[in-house]
Each structure stands twice: as structure tokens, then as C-alpha cells.
């Protein structure tokens, strides 16, 4: 049985205590980021009656139980998602830090890995709910990945692997998206000027880290409240591959490096394919199937990235062994 050092035990306890409070802030991000609302300026409020939530009604998990899941002012039900996110955040932090410590990460790199896991978690939840991946999360993921490279201990192993990874999967997804649009959504393909879309996207991902803050402060990358937030409006522009998935691939590559990125993409394809098959079977059985199946890829990329950090090397070694490639390398 693995033992936990005393300093790491203190960190685990701290993460368990602080986790629900950070999860409460995550609930704010999950609601406001896709809607283009200010995150810090406006106080927490009921989405139904707009009443400001009192501090004693904003204690993670405890307040939900005390209020019996209802707003104090208007009595509207409070989504169970709020305490679930708060609890899930604490569990995610504790498990990730423990796994990182067992994998050999020292304190600060392990905490940065926890931060990257938090970004992936937010991407997963927001993309499932809104079909959107906010630019703010992408930029924070890139910054955390760069910090890991600077202080040492990055899963990528170094700058060279990280830079290759930054372009590798994102470029692949651009090409896959262009080809899929040519076949499935020809109107989108024509609007994007065919395969020429690859070149502006390459320039965009190359300059993204610098361009994002400039666009942000000029207010050019905030979603308008009426731009989202259901599957129909969020995917009104038919496209086989969303821009958010391509940007998320940039983060994954910089964080993991090209080698672990292969494992992450394999995990994403396998889990995404499995879920798609199950959904098709359920929909066909229940008579709810319509032509085509809308399925976000971002959550599977997030899960694949998280799995690759701790299981990627083992997965690659297993694959090379069963294919016999390990004997040829």
C-alpha cells in the first residue's frame, strides 16, 4: 500500500477543505463564461429572481442542505449540479494531487497538474451543457502548461516535445474538420473557402497566446447572451469540428507533449466511439433517433488528456508490446 508523506498529507487535507469553495466558484464560471457575463464584478445571484445570494447562503454543500435545495427569496429549486460540482472539485483535487505525488511530481508541479485538471474539468462540464469551450479556459490551460515547462516537471518532458504537440493534434483536427465538412456540411466548407481554412487556422493557433489577451480586453471574444445556450443555437452553424476542440488540442499538446498526446487522442477516440455507439443503440431502441448524432468531442479530449498524464506511458508500452513494435524499436 502506498504511503503518503506528512507534508503531502497536509496538502491533501487543505485541498479537501478548500476544494468545495473553489468548486463554488467553478459553478459561477460554468454559468457565466458561456454567457459572456462578468465573473468577478457581479455578486452571486439567483438566476431566476436575480436576488443577491447572502454570504451564509453561499457556503458550499452546507447551504444547499440548509435551504433544502431552494432559493431563500423566490423558492425556486436550486440545481443539484451546484453541490455536486463543489464535491466533485474537492474529490478531483485530492485524487489528482495524490496521483501526481505517487507519479513523482514534487509539490509545485503537482499543484500545477491539479490546476490543469481543473481546467479540463470545467471544459468537460461546460462543453456538455452548452457545446462551447470558452476561450478563457483555453488561455489558462496554456499558461499553466507554460509554467510547468518553466519550473520543470511537465508531463511533456521538455519544450521540444511540447511545441511539436502544440501543433500536432490541432493541425490534425483542422484537416479532419475540413475533410468532414466537405463531405457532410458542404455549405460550411464553401463558406470557409475549402481547404484554405487550414492556413488562417495555423496562423491563429500560432499567435493565440498573444492575441487572446488583446482580443479579451477589446471585448472581441465574449459570447453574447443570445448567442448560446442550447444545442440548437450553439450548433446553429453546422460544422463537423468546433474551433474550441482545436484550441483544446493546442493545450493538450503543450501540456502532454507529442508522445503522451498520442495516448490522449487514442483514449478520446475509444471513449467517444463507445459512447456514440451506446447512444445510437439507445436512441434507435427508444425510437428517438434522428438522422445524424450531435456529440461533443471536447469532453472526451479532456478525459483522454487526464488519463494520459498518469496512464499514457503504460498505454503506449502495452500497445507497442501487443503489436510487436517494441521489438523493432
Protein backbone atom coordinates (compact mmCIF):
# COMPACT_ATOMS: atom_id res chain seq x y z
CA UNK A 1 0.00 0.00 0.00
CA UNK A 2 1.37 3.43 -0.95
CA UNK A 3 2.18 5.70 1.96
CA UNK A 4 1.61 9.45 2.00
CA UNK A 5 4.32 11.72 3.40
CA UNK A 6 3.31 14.13 6.14
CA UNK A 7 3.74 17.31 4.00
CA UNK A 8 1.66 15.76 1.22
CA UNK A 9 -0.97 14.72 3.76
CA UNK A 10 -1.29 18.36 4.85
CA UNK A 11 -1.71 19.43 1.23
CA UNK A 12 -4.36 16.75 0.66
CA UNK A 13 -6.30 17.92 3.72
CA UNK A 14 -6.03 21.54 2.56
CA UNK A 15 -7.28 20.63 -0.91
CA UNK A 16 -10.18 18.68 0.59
CA UNK A 17 -11.17 21.72 2.68
CA UNK A 18 -10.62 24.38 0.03
CA UNK A 19 -11.93 22.26 -2.84
CA UNK A 20 -15.67 22.84 -2.25
CA UNK A 21 -15.15 26.62 -2.08
CA UNK A 22 -13.23 26.56 -5.36
CA UNK A 23 -16.00 24.33 -6.70
CA UNK A 24 -18.50 27.02 -5.73
CA UNK A 25 -16.51 29.47 -7.87
CA UNK A 26 -16.44 26.89 -10.64
CA UNK A 27 -20.24 26.91 -10.58
CA UNK A 28 -20.07 30.65 -11.29
CA UNK A 29 -17.67 30.06 -14.17
CA UNK A 30 -19.81 27.26 -15.60
CA UNK A 31 -22.86 29.52 -15.67
CA UNK A 32 -21.29 32.85 -16.65
CA UNK A 33 -18.40 32.13 -19.03
CA UNK A 34 -20.51 30.73 -21.89
CA UNK A 35 -22.95 33.62 -21.48
CA UNK A 36 -20.27 36.29 -21.66
CA UNK A 37 -21.14 37.60 -18.17
CA UNK A 38 -18.65 39.25 -15.83
CA UNK A 39 -17.22 36.65 -13.47
CA UNK A 40 -15.78 38.75 -10.64
CA UNK A 41 -17.63 42.08 -10.72
CA UNK A 42 -21.18 40.87 -10.17
CA UNK A 43 -22.09 39.16 -6.90
CA UNK A 44 -23.62 35.70 -6.83
CA UNK A 45 -27.34 35.85 -7.56
CA UNK A 46 -30.31 33.60 -8.16
CA UNK A 47 -30.67 33.00 -11.92
CA UNK A 48 -34.48 33.02 -11.55
CA UNK A 49 -35.30 36.05 -9.35
CA UNK A 50 -31.89 37.84 -9.65
CA UNK A 51 -31.75 38.32 -5.84
CA UNK A 52 -28.21 38.60 -4.44
CA UNK A 53 -27.26 35.47 -2.53
CA UNK A 54 -26.32 36.18 1.10
CA UNK A 55 -22.93 35.01 2.32
CA UNK A 56 -24.45 32.47 4.72
CA UNK A 57 -26.48 31.01 1.84
CA UNK A 58 -23.33 30.59 -0.23
CA UNK A 59 -21.45 28.07 1.90
CA UNK A 60 -20.61 25.09 -0.30
CA UNK A 61 -22.79 21.99 0.18
CA UNK A 62 -23.92 23.12 3.65
CA UNK A 63 -26.13 25.96 2.37
CA UNK A 64 -27.78 23.69 -0.20
CA UNK A 65 -28.75 21.27 2.56
CA UNK A 66 -29.86 24.05 4.92
CA UNK A 67 -32.05 25.67 2.22
CA UNK A 68 -33.39 22.26 1.18
CA UNK A 69 -32.37 22.98 -2.37
CA UNK A 70 -34.48 26.12 -2.80
CA UNK A 71 -33.78 29.85 -3.17
CA UNK A 72 -34.48 31.73 0.07
CA UNK A 73 -36.13 34.62 -1.80
CA UNK A 74 -38.24 33.10 -4.55
CA UNK A 75 -38.37 29.45 -3.54
CA UNK A 76 -37.18 28.27 -6.96
CA UNK A 77 -35.36 24.92 -6.93
CA UNK A 78 -31.57 25.11 -6.86
CA UNK A 79 -29.98 22.69 -9.29
CA UNK A 80 -28.39 19.64 -7.72
CA UNK A 81 -25.46 20.39 -10.00
CA UNK A 82 -24.18 23.04 -7.58
CA UNK A 83 -23.35 20.79 -4.61
CA UNK A 84 -22.27 18.01 -6.99
CA UNK A 85 -19.71 20.32 -8.66
CA UNK A 86 -18.48 21.52 -5.26
CA UNK A 87 -17.98 17.98 -4.00
CA UNK A 88 -16.55 16.75 -7.31
CA UNK A 89 -13.98 19.56 -7.32
CA UNK A 90 -12.67 18.57 -3.89
CA UNK A 91 -12.50 14.90 -4.90
CA UNK A 92 -10.76 15.79 -8.19
CA UNK A 93 -8.16 17.91 -6.40
CA UNK A 94 -7.37 15.26 -3.80
CA UNK A 95 -7.17 12.37 -6.28
CA UNK A 96 -5.12 14.34 -8.81
CA UNK A 97 -2.59 15.58 -6.26
CA UNK A 98 -2.23 12.10 -4.80
CA UNK A 99 -1.73 10.51 -8.23
CA UNK A 100 0.74 13.23 -9.21
CA UNK A 101 2.72 12.74 -6.00
CA UNK A 102 2.81 8.98 -6.49
CA UNK A 103 3.98 9.55 -10.08
CA UNK A 104 6.99 11.51 -8.82
CA UNK A 105 5.82 15.12 -9.17
CA UNK A 106 7.14 17.41 -6.43
CA UNK A 107 4.89 19.97 -4.72
CA UNK A 108 4.64 22.86 -7.19
CA UNK A 109 4.46 20.80 -10.40
CA UNK A 110 1.86 18.58 -8.70
CA UNK A 111 -0.25 21.63 -7.83
CA UNK A 112 0.05 22.90 -11.42
CA UNK A 113 -1.13 19.49 -12.64
CA UNK A 114 -4.11 19.90 -10.29
CA UNK A 115 -4.75 23.30 -11.91
CA UNK A 116 -4.65 21.75 -15.40
CA UNK A 117 -7.06 19.05 -14.22
CA UNK A 118 -9.40 21.81 -13.02
CA UNK A 119 -9.34 23.43 -16.46
CA UNK A 120 -10.12 20.08 -18.11
CA UNK A 121 -12.97 19.54 -15.66
CA UNK A 122 -14.50 22.93 -16.48
CA UNK A 123 -14.14 22.27 -20.21
CA UNK A 124 -15.89 18.93 -19.80
CA UNK A 125 -18.86 20.32 -17.87
CA UNK A 126 -19.34 23.47 -19.97
CA UNK A 127 -18.98 21.68 -23.30
CA UNK A 128 -21.51 19.02 -22.28
CA UNK A 129 -24.00 21.69 -21.22
CA UNK A 130 -23.53 24.32 -23.93
CA UNK A 131 -21.50 22.83 -26.82
CA UNK A 132 -18.97 25.62 -26.17
CA UNK A 133 -15.40 25.77 -24.85
CA UNK A 134 -14.73 29.31 -23.55
CA UNK A 135 -11.50 30.98 -24.66
CA UNK A 136 -10.70 31.94 -21.08
CA UNK A 137 -10.24 28.28 -20.12
CA UNK A 138 -8.03 27.62 -23.14
CA UNK A 139 -5.77 30.51 -22.25
CA UNK A 140 -5.48 29.46 -18.60
CA UNK A 141 -4.65 25.94 -19.71
CA UNK A 142 -1.88 27.25 -21.94
CA UNK A 143 -0.46 29.44 -19.16
CA UNK A 144 -0.43 26.56 -16.66
CA UNK A 145 1.28 24.34 -19.24
CA UNK A 146 3.93 27.01 -19.87
CA UNK A 147 4.53 27.40 -16.12
CA UNK A 148 5.07 23.64 -15.87
CA UNK A 149 7.64 23.85 -18.64
CA UNK A 150 9.41 26.75 -16.96
CA UNK A 151 9.68 25.24 -13.45
CA UNK A 152 10.30 21.69 -14.72
CA UNK A 153 8.22 18.58 -14.24
CA UNK A 154 5.94 18.97 -17.25
CA UNK A 155 4.41 15.68 -18.49
CA UNK A 156 5.64 16.70 -21.96
CA UNK A 157 9.23 16.18 -20.91
CA UNK A 158 10.51 19.44 -22.38
CA UNK A 159 9.95 22.35 -24.73
CA UNK A 160 10.68 20.46 -27.94
CA UNK A 161 8.07 17.77 -27.36
CA UNK A 162 5.58 20.37 -26.09
CA UNK A 163 5.91 22.62 -29.14
CA UNK A 164 5.52 19.66 -31.52
CA UNK A 165 2.48 18.57 -29.52
CA UNK A 166 1.04 22.10 -29.63
CA UNK A 167 0.71 21.88 -33.42
CA UNK A 168 0.34 18.13 -33.97
CA UNK A 169 -3.21 17.33 -32.87
CA UNK A 170 -4.63 20.79 -33.52
CA UNK A 171 -3.43 20.65 -37.14
CA UNK A 172 -4.80 17.11 -37.49
CA UNK A 173 -8.22 18.23 -36.22
CA UNK A 174 -8.24 21.19 -38.61
CA UNK A 175 -7.62 18.83 -41.54
CA UNK A 176 -10.17 16.27 -40.30
CA UNK A 177 -12.74 19.02 -39.81
CA UNK A 178 -12.16 20.42 -43.30
CA UNK A 179 -12.50 16.97 -44.89
CA UNK A 180 -15.63 16.14 -42.87
CA UNK A 181 -17.20 19.49 -43.77
CA UNK A 182 -16.52 18.82 -47.45
CA UNK A 183 -18.48 15.56 -47.15
CA UNK A 184 -21.18 16.32 -44.55
CA UNK A 185 -21.56 20.11 -44.47
CA UNK A 186 -20.62 21.39 -47.94
CA UNK A 187 -22.17 24.80 -47.23
CA UNK A 188 -19.78 25.31 -44.29
CA UNK A 189 -16.90 24.00 -46.40
CA UNK A 190 -17.63 26.55 -49.13
CA UNK A 191 -18.06 29.39 -46.63
CA UNK A 192 -14.67 28.57 -45.11
CA UNK A 193 -13.11 28.64 -48.61
CA UNK A 194 -12.48 24.93 -48.67
CA UNK A 195 -9.14 23.62 -47.52
CA UNK A 196 -7.72 27.13 -47.46
CA UNK A 197 -9.21 27.32 -43.94
CA UNK A 198 -6.12 25.44 -42.75
CA UNK A 199 -3.82 28.44 -43.29
CA UNK A 200 -5.70 31.09 -41.23
CA UNK A 201 -6.18 28.49 -38.51
CA UNK A 202 -2.46 27.76 -38.44
CA UNK A 203 -1.74 31.47 -38.06
CA UNK A 204 -4.40 31.74 -35.36
CA UNK A 205 -3.09 28.93 -33.18
CA UNK A 206 0.48 30.23 -33.63
CA UNK A 207 -0.44 33.68 -32.29
CA UNK A 208 -3.23 32.66 -29.90
CA UNK A 209 -1.38 33.16 -26.60
CA UNK A 210 -0.56 36.76 -27.54
CA UNK A 211 -3.76 37.50 -29.46
CA UNK A 212 -6.19 36.30 -26.81
CA UNK A 213 -5.45 38.96 -24.13
CA UNK A 214 -5.65 41.70 -26.76
CA UNK A 215 -8.98 40.40 -28.05
CA UNK A 216 -10.26 39.92 -24.49
CA UNK A 217 -9.61 43.48 -23.36
CA UNK A 218 -11.09 44.80 -26.59
CA UNK A 219 -14.19 42.71 -25.89
CA UNK A 220 -13.89 40.77 -29.15
CA UNK A 221 -14.06 37.23 -27.77
CA UNK A 222 -17.03 37.33 -25.41
CA UNK A 223 -20.15 35.45 -26.30
CA UNK A 224 -23.34 37.48 -26.42
CA UNK A 225 -26.17 36.28 -24.14
CA UNK A 226 -28.37 35.37 -27.10
CA UNK A 227 -25.60 33.53 -28.95
CA UNK A 228 -25.98 30.39 -26.86
CA UNK A 229 -27.18 28.29 -24.80
CA UNK A 230 -28.84 25.26 -26.13
CA UNK A 231 -27.82 22.59 -28.57
CA UNK A 232 -29.68 24.25 -31.44
CA UNK A 233 -28.31 27.78 -31.09
CA UNK A 234 -24.82 26.69 -30.08
CA UNK A 235 -24.51 24.48 -33.13
CA UNK A 236 -26.53 26.64 -35.50
CA UNK A 237 -23.51 26.94 -37.74
CA UNK A 238 -23.15 23.38 -38.96
CA UNK A 239 -19.59 22.16 -38.73
CA UNK A 240 -18.01 18.77 -38.16
CA UNK A 241 -15.26 20.13 -35.86
CA UNK A 242 -15.64 23.01 -33.47
CA UNK A 243 -12.98 25.68 -33.04
CA UNK A 244 -12.97 25.01 -29.30
CA UNK A 245 -11.86 21.42 -29.88
CA UNK A 246 -8.92 22.63 -31.97
CA UNK A 247 -7.88 25.12 -29.29
CA UNK A 248 -8.22 22.44 -26.60
CA UNK A 249 -5.91 20.25 -28.69
CA UNK A 250 -3.33 23.06 -28.50
CA UNK A 251 -3.48 22.96 -24.70
CA UNK A 252 -3.25 19.18 -24.63
CA UNK A 253 -0.20 19.17 -26.88
CA UNK A 254 1.64 21.81 -24.88
CA UNK A 255 0.76 20.07 -21.62
CA UNK A 256 1.42 16.46 -22.63
CA UNK A 257 3.97 16.66 -25.44
CA UNK A 258 3.61 14.73 -28.69
CA UNK A 259 4.18 11.25 -27.20
CA UNK A 260 1.51 11.33 -24.48
CA UNK A 261 -0.72 13.25 -26.89
CA UNK A 262 -0.98 10.07 -28.98
CA UNK A 263 -2.29 8.19 -25.96
CA UNK A 264 -4.69 11.01 -25.08
CA UNK A 265 -6.15 11.08 -28.59
CA UNK A 266 -6.48 7.28 -28.58
CA UNK A 267 -8.35 7.44 -25.25
CA UNK A 268 -10.62 10.16 -26.65
CA UNK A 269 -11.41 8.24 -29.83
CA UNK A 270 -12.09 4.99 -27.96
CA UNK A 271 -14.32 6.50 -25.28
CA UNK A 272 -16.08 8.82 -27.74
CA UNK A 273 -16.74 5.95 -30.12
CA UNK A 274 -18.06 3.75 -27.33
CA UNK A 275 -20.42 6.44 -26.07
CA UNK A 276 -21.61 7.18 -29.61
CA UNK A 277 -22.43 3.51 -30.21
CA UNK A 278 -24.34 3.29 -26.92
CA UNK A 279 -26.27 6.48 -27.68
CA UNK A 280 -27.20 5.22 -31.15
CA UNK A 281 -28.42 1.90 -29.75
CA UNK A 282 -30.48 3.63 -27.04
CA UNK A 283 -32.00 6.16 -29.46
CA UNK A 284 -32.84 3.53 -32.06
CA UNK A 285 -34.35 1.23 -29.43
CA UNK A 286 -36.46 4.05 -27.97
CA UNK A 287 -37.50 5.35 -31.41
CA UNK A 288 -35.91 8.77 -30.77
CA UNK A 289 -33.18 8.50 -33.38
CA UNK A 290 -32.93 11.24 -35.98
CA UNK A 291 -30.52 11.40 -38.87
CA UNK A 292 -27.13 12.37 -37.52
CA UNK A 293 -25.86 12.40 -33.94
CA UNK A 294 -24.62 15.52 -32.14
CA UNK A 295 -21.81 14.57 -29.81
CA UNK A 296 -19.30 16.97 -28.32
CA UNK A 297 -15.68 15.87 -28.69
CA UNK A 298 -14.28 18.25 -26.06
CA UNK A 299 -15.30 16.14 -23.04
CA UNK A 300 -13.60 13.07 -24.49
CA UNK A 301 -10.45 15.07 -25.27
CA UNK A 302 -10.46 16.30 -21.65
CA UNK A 303 -10.86 12.78 -20.26
CA UNK A 304 -8.19 11.48 -22.63
CA UNK A 305 -5.77 14.21 -21.57
CA UNK A 306 -6.31 13.48 -17.87
CA UNK A 307 -5.89 9.73 -18.39
CA UNK A 308 -2.73 10.21 -20.46
CA UNK A 309 -0.95 12.10 -17.66
CA UNK A 310 -0.99 9.05 -15.39
CA UNK A 311 -1.62 6.12 -17.76
CA UNK A 312 -0.20 7.32 -21.07
CA UNK A 313 3.24 5.71 -20.82
CA UNK A 314 1.73 2.39 -19.72
CA UNK A 315 -0.81 2.53 -22.55
CA UNK A 316 1.88 3.19 -25.15
CA UNK A 317 4.10 0.41 -23.79
CA UNK A 318 1.14 -2.00 -23.85
CA UNK A 319 0.24 -1.08 -27.43
CA UNK A 320 3.82 -1.48 -28.64
CA UNK A 321 4.03 -4.86 -26.89
CA UNK A 322 0.82 -6.35 -28.34
CA UNK A 323 1.62 -5.10 -31.85
CA UNK A 324 5.19 -6.37 -31.69
CA UNK A 325 6.52 -2.90 -32.46
CA UNK A 326 8.50 -2.78 -29.22
CA UNK A 327 10.86 -5.46 -30.59
CA UNK A 328 11.54 -3.34 -33.67
CA UNK A 329 12.29 -0.10 -31.81
